[in-house]
């Protein structure tokens, strides 16, 4: 709901509708949601109560300290149902992405990490291959 134009003016209404939607879906299905790191603790807690799995969209952030700070409440609510999602387009090449994932792994002690999206991952791979080809003799 945070992507809607009137989010700031109608935040309470949109949050209530979102939670109602998750609640209705969860009566019949397993529900996974993807949410930004900016949700307030009370809304976050309600989401964790209703959803089976939560993807925390740590997009545009390559600062491990920032991600740790912004995900701390979520991990306390349910580490077993939490995945940190990062965007491939936030990285210059696959090597940089891999180093970042290793840093996340060390800081969060083997967290679930999701990559958004496959097309961007393939572009990173192409960049990596092209860069390596330039250095061949």
Protein backbone atom coordinates (compact mmCIF):
# COMPACT_ATOMS: atom_id res chain seq x y z
CA UNK A 1 0.00 0.00 0.00
CA UNK A 2 2.96 2.36 0.47
CA UNK A 3 3.15 2.82 -3.32
CA UNK A 4 -0.28 4.41 -3.57
CA UNK A 5 -0.35 8.15 -4.30
CA UNK A 6 -2.45 9.01 -1.27
CA UNK A 7 -0.45 6.82 1.13
CA UNK A 8 0.57 9.62 3.48
CA UNK A 9 -2.91 11.15 3.66
CA UNK A 10 -4.73 7.81 4.02
CA UNK A 11 -2.12 5.64 5.71
CA UNK A 12 -4.44 4.29 8.44
CA UNK A 13 -7.14 3.31 5.93
CA UNK A 14 -4.67 1.63 3.57
CA UNK A 15 -2.98 -0.22 6.41
CA UNK A 16 -6.32 -1.51 7.68
CA UNK A 17 -7.32 -2.66 4.18
CA UNK A 18 -3.96 -4.33 3.65
CA UNK A 19 -4.20 -6.22 6.93
CA UNK A 20 -7.77 -7.24 6.13
CA UNK A 21 -6.64 -8.57 2.76
CA UNK A 22 -3.82 -10.58 4.35
CA UNK A 23 -6.23 -11.90 6.99
CA UNK A 24 -8.79 -13.05 4.39
CA UNK A 25 -6.14 -14.69 2.24
CA UNK A 26 -4.52 -16.40 5.21
CA UNK A 27 -7.77 -18.20 6.03
CA UNK A 28 -7.39 -20.19 2.80
CA UNK A 29 -3.76 -19.83 1.67
CA UNK A 30 -0.24 -19.44 2.93
CA UNK A 31 0.59 -15.77 2.50
CA UNK A 32 3.96 -14.20 1.76
CA UNK A 33 4.33 -10.44 1.56
CA UNK A 34 7.08 -8.11 0.40
CA UNK A 35 7.35 -4.93 2.40
CA UNK A 36 9.72 -1.97 2.63
CA UNK A 37 11.98 -1.39 5.61
CA UNK A 38 10.06 1.77 6.50
CA UNK A 39 6.90 0.35 8.09
CA UNK A 40 6.24 1.36 11.69
CA UNK A 41 6.50 -1.27 14.42
CA UNK A 42 2.76 -1.63 15.08
CA UNK A 43 1.97 -2.19 11.38
CA UNK A 44 4.96 -4.53 11.09
CA UNK A 45 3.79 -6.55 14.07
CA UNK A 46 0.30 -6.92 12.60
CA UNK A 47 1.77 -8.11 9.30
CA UNK A 48 3.96 -10.67 11.08
CA UNK A 49 0.95 -11.93 13.01
CA UNK A 50 -1.00 -12.60 9.80
CA UNK A 51 1.57 -13.53 7.14
CA UNK A 52 3.38 -16.83 6.81
CA UNK A 53 6.48 -15.24 5.35
CA UNK A 54 7.82 -11.71 5.01
CA UNK A 55 10.31 -10.41 2.47
CA UNK A 56 12.00 -7.24 3.70
CA UNK A 57 12.84 -5.15 0.65
CA UNK A 58 16.27 -3.72 1.42
CA UNK A 59 16.41 -2.03 -1.96
CA UNK A 60 18.74 0.89 -2.61
CA UNK A 61 20.68 0.12 0.56
CA UNK A 62 24.16 -1.35 0.53
CA UNK A 63 24.90 -0.31 4.10
CA UNK A 64 24.82 -3.44 6.28
CA UNK A 65 24.49 -1.37 9.48
CA UNK A 66 21.44 0.41 8.06
CA UNK A 67 19.82 -2.88 7.02
CA UNK A 68 20.52 -4.40 10.42
CA UNK A 69 19.00 -1.41 12.20
CA UNK A 70 15.91 -1.34 9.96
CA UNK A 71 15.27 -5.10 10.15
CA UNK A 72 15.93 -5.66 13.85
CA UNK A 73 12.25 -5.45 14.87
CA UNK A 74 11.20 -7.78 12.07
CA UNK A 75 13.75 -10.43 13.03
CA UNK A 76 12.55 -10.23 16.64
CA UNK A 77 8.98 -10.78 15.44
CA UNK A 78 9.90 -13.86 13.43
CA UNK A 79 13.39 -14.61 12.16
CA UNK A 80 12.17 -17.97 10.87
CA UNK A 81 9.74 -16.30 8.50
CA UNK A 82 11.94 -13.42 7.37
CA UNK A 83 13.92 -13.02 4.15
CA UNK A 84 16.07 -10.04 3.23
CA UNK A 85 15.41 -9.08 -0.38
CA UNK A 86 18.03 -7.10 -2.30
CA UNK A 87 17.98 -5.72 -5.84
CA UNK A 88 20.59 -6.81 -8.32
CA UNK A 89 20.41 -3.42 -10.04
CA UNK A 90 21.88 -1.82 -6.91
CA UNK A 91 25.24 -3.47 -7.67
CA UNK A 92 27.84 -2.79 -10.33
CA UNK A 93 28.63 -6.44 -11.08
CA UNK A 94 28.07 -9.96 -9.81
CA UNK A 95 31.25 -9.90 -7.75
CA UNK A 96 30.05 -6.85 -5.79
CA UNK A 97 26.68 -8.57 -5.26
CA UNK A 98 28.40 -11.73 -4.02
CA UNK A 99 30.57 -9.80 -1.57
CA UNK A 100 27.50 -8.02 -0.24
CA UNK A 101 25.66 -11.33 0.23
CA UNK A 102 28.70 -12.69 2.09
CA UNK A 103 28.63 -9.62 4.36
CA UNK A 104 24.92 -10.14 5.01
CA UNK A 105 25.62 -13.78 5.74
CA UNK A 106 28.28 -12.91 8.32
CA UNK A 107 26.27 -10.16 10.00
CA UNK A 108 22.95 -12.00 10.14
CA UNK A 109 24.39 -15.50 10.63
CA UNK A 110 23.11 -17.28 7.56
CA UNK A 111 19.93 -15.35 6.72
CA UNK A 112 17.54 -16.08 3.90
CA UNK A 113 18.40 -13.74 1.03
CA UNK A 114 16.24 -13.14 -2.04
CA UNK A 115 17.40 -11.45 -5.22
CA UNK A 116 15.12 -9.16 -7.19
CA UNK A 117 15.01 -9.86 -10.20
CA UNK A 118 16.33 -12.58 -12.51
CA UNK A 119 16.70 -10.29 -15.53
CA UNK A 120 18.90 -7.89 -13.55
CA UNK A 121 20.96 -10.80 -12.24
CA UNK A 122 21.58 -11.91 -15.81
CA UNK A 123 22.66 -8.35 -16.72
CA UNK A 124 25.14 -8.40 -13.83
CA UNK A 125 26.49 -11.70 -15.10
CA UNK A 126 26.94 -10.23 -18.58
CA UNK A 127 28.81 -7.24 -17.10
CA UNK A 128 31.06 -9.57 -15.15
CA UNK A 129 31.83 -11.69 -18.21
CA UNK A 130 32.52 -8.60 -20.33
CA UNK A 131 34.80 -7.08 -17.69
CA UNK A 132 36.77 -10.32 -17.38
CA UNK A 133 37.09 -10.61 -21.16
CA UNK A 134 38.80 -7.21 -21.32
CA UNK A 135 41.64 -8.50 -19.17
CA UNK A 136 42.35 -11.66 -21.15
CA UNK A 137 45.44 -11.81 -23.38
